[in-house]
Protein backbone atom coordinates (compact mmCIF):
# COMPACT_ATOMS: atom_id res chain seq x y z
CA MET A 1 -18.65 -15.51 19.77
CA GLY A 2 -16.72 -13.46 17.22
CA PHE A 3 -15.48 -9.93 17.21
CA SER A 4 -14.80 -7.72 14.23
CA MET A 5 -13.45 -4.20 14.08
CA ARG A 6 -13.20 -1.97 11.05
CA ILE A 7 -10.73 0.90 10.90
CA ASN A 8 -11.52 3.53 8.32
CA PHE A 9 -8.41 5.17 6.95
CA VAL A 10 -9.15 8.88 6.71
CA ASP A 11 -6.49 11.43 5.82
CA VAL A 12 -3.70 8.85 5.75
CA ILE A 13 -1.67 9.84 2.69
CA CYS A 14 1.52 11.58 3.81
CA ASP A 15 1.96 15.08 2.42
CA ASP A 16 4.32 15.46 -0.57
CA SER A 17 4.86 11.69 -0.88
CA LEU A 18 3.21 11.06 -4.28
CA ARG A 19 5.82 10.43 -6.99
CA ASN A 20 6.33 8.45 -10.19
CA SER A 21 8.42 5.28 -10.02
CA TYR A 22 10.92 4.27 -12.66
CA ILE A 23 12.74 1.10 -13.72
CA THR A 24 15.77 1.58 -16.00
CA GLY A 25 14.66 5.10 -16.77
CA LEU A 26 11.12 4.20 -17.84
CA LYS A 27 8.10 5.18 -15.79
CA ASN A 28 6.36 2.06 -14.56
CA GLY A 29 3.88 3.43 -12.02
CA TYR A 30 3.67 5.59 -8.93
CA GLU A 31 4.14 5.38 -5.19
CA PHE A 32 3.12 7.21 -2.07
CA ASP A 33 3.41 6.89 1.71
CA ILE A 34 0.54 6.27 4.13
CA ARG A 35 0.42 6.57 7.89
CA LEU A 36 -1.50 4.39 10.27
CA SER A 37 -4.85 5.91 11.24
CA TYR A 38 -5.12 4.14 14.57
CA TYR A 39 -4.06 4.90 18.13
CA ARG A 40 -1.39 2.17 18.22
CA GLY A 41 0.61 -0.03 15.86
CA LEU A 42 -0.68 -3.33 14.52
CA PHE A 43 0.48 -6.59 12.97
CA LEU A 44 -0.03 -6.73 9.22
CA SER A 45 -2.04 -9.92 9.65
CA CYS A 46 -4.73 -7.74 11.23
CA VAL A 47 -5.28 -6.10 7.83
CA ASN A 48 -7.99 -8.34 6.35
CA SER A 49 -8.76 -6.17 3.33
CA PHE A 50 -6.92 -3.46 1.47
CA ALA A 51 -8.25 -1.64 -1.58
CA LEU A 52 -6.92 1.29 -3.55
CA THR A 53 -9.29 3.38 -5.66
CA VAL A 54 -7.97 6.05 -8.05
CA ASP A 55 -10.39 8.33 -9.90
CA GLY A 56 -13.29 6.05 -8.96
CA GLU A 57 -11.59 2.95 -10.40
CA GLU A 58 -10.26 0.18 -8.17
CA VAL A 59 -6.63 -0.75 -8.79
CA PRO A 60 -6.15 -4.56 -9.00
CA ASN A 61 -4.27 -6.01 -6.00
CA SER A 62 -1.83 -7.62 -8.44
CA GLU A 63 -0.53 -4.13 -9.25
CA VAL A 64 -0.13 -2.94 -5.61
CA THR A 65 2.67 -3.63 -3.13
CA PHE A 66 2.91 -2.61 0.53
CA SER A 67 6.38 -1.83 1.95
CA ILE A 68 7.22 -1.61 5.64
CA ASN A 69 10.30 -2.41 7.78
CA GLY A 70 12.46 -2.47 4.66
CA LYS A 71 10.38 -5.31 3.15
CA GLU A 72 7.93 -5.29 0.26
CA PHE A 73 4.80 -7.47 0.18
CA PHE A 74 1.92 -8.06 -2.19
CA VAL A 75 -1.41 -6.93 -0.77
CA ASP A 76 -2.74 -10.50 -0.86
CA GLN A 77 0.06 -11.53 1.55
CA LEU A 78 -0.88 -9.11 4.34
CA SER A 79 -3.32 -11.42 6.13
CA SER A 80 -0.58 -14.05 6.64
CA LEU A 81 2.11 -11.68 8.00
CA SER A 82 1.71 -12.27 11.74
CA SER A 83 5.33 -11.39 12.54
CA GLU A 84 5.47 -8.03 10.68
CA PHE A 85 4.50 -5.10 12.92
CA TRP A 86 3.52 -1.67 11.59
CA GLN A 87 4.71 0.93 14.11
CA LEU A 88 2.39 3.84 14.81
CA LEU A 89 4.75 6.56 13.56
CA GLU A 90 6.29 4.54 10.68
CA PRO A 91 4.80 5.32 7.26
CA ALA A 92 4.21 2.48 4.80
CA LYS A 93 5.03 2.86 1.11
CA ILE A 94 2.36 1.87 -1.41
CA LYS A 95 3.68 1.12 -4.90
CA VAL A 96 1.45 0.74 -7.93
CA THR A 97 2.93 -0.83 -11.05
CA GLU A 98 0.72 -0.14 -14.02
CA LYS A 99 0.93 -2.92 -16.58
CA ARG A 100 0.16 -0.59 -19.48
CA TRP A 101 3.23 1.56 -18.74
CA ALA A 102 5.46 -1.48 -18.56
CA ALA A 103 4.18 -2.55 -22.00
CA GLU A 104 4.06 0.79 -23.75
CA GLY A 105 6.88 2.77 -22.14
CA GLU A 106 6.36 6.26 -20.80
CA PRO A 107 3.13 7.92 -22.01
């Protein structure tokens, strides 16, 4: 017998956390903080899917990183992180590196 639970993240973006990110003075993407929308913390290996959609367009996982506990991970790594625990009150930082900005410089 198997058991599956889906947690819908509703209203999870932390207020005033959206900002551009820069490398050597050039804009290379954006970042924001999210909070856990659950009644307790969880291990990152419990996150079996993570998708980010901006303006109706899904951002490729290769452009998204997830930072918690002072460590940064690719989204595809989350399911294997059984020792990383996301505390209930600790926000996670989501960073999006847009390839076009890295190639073209700041728009």
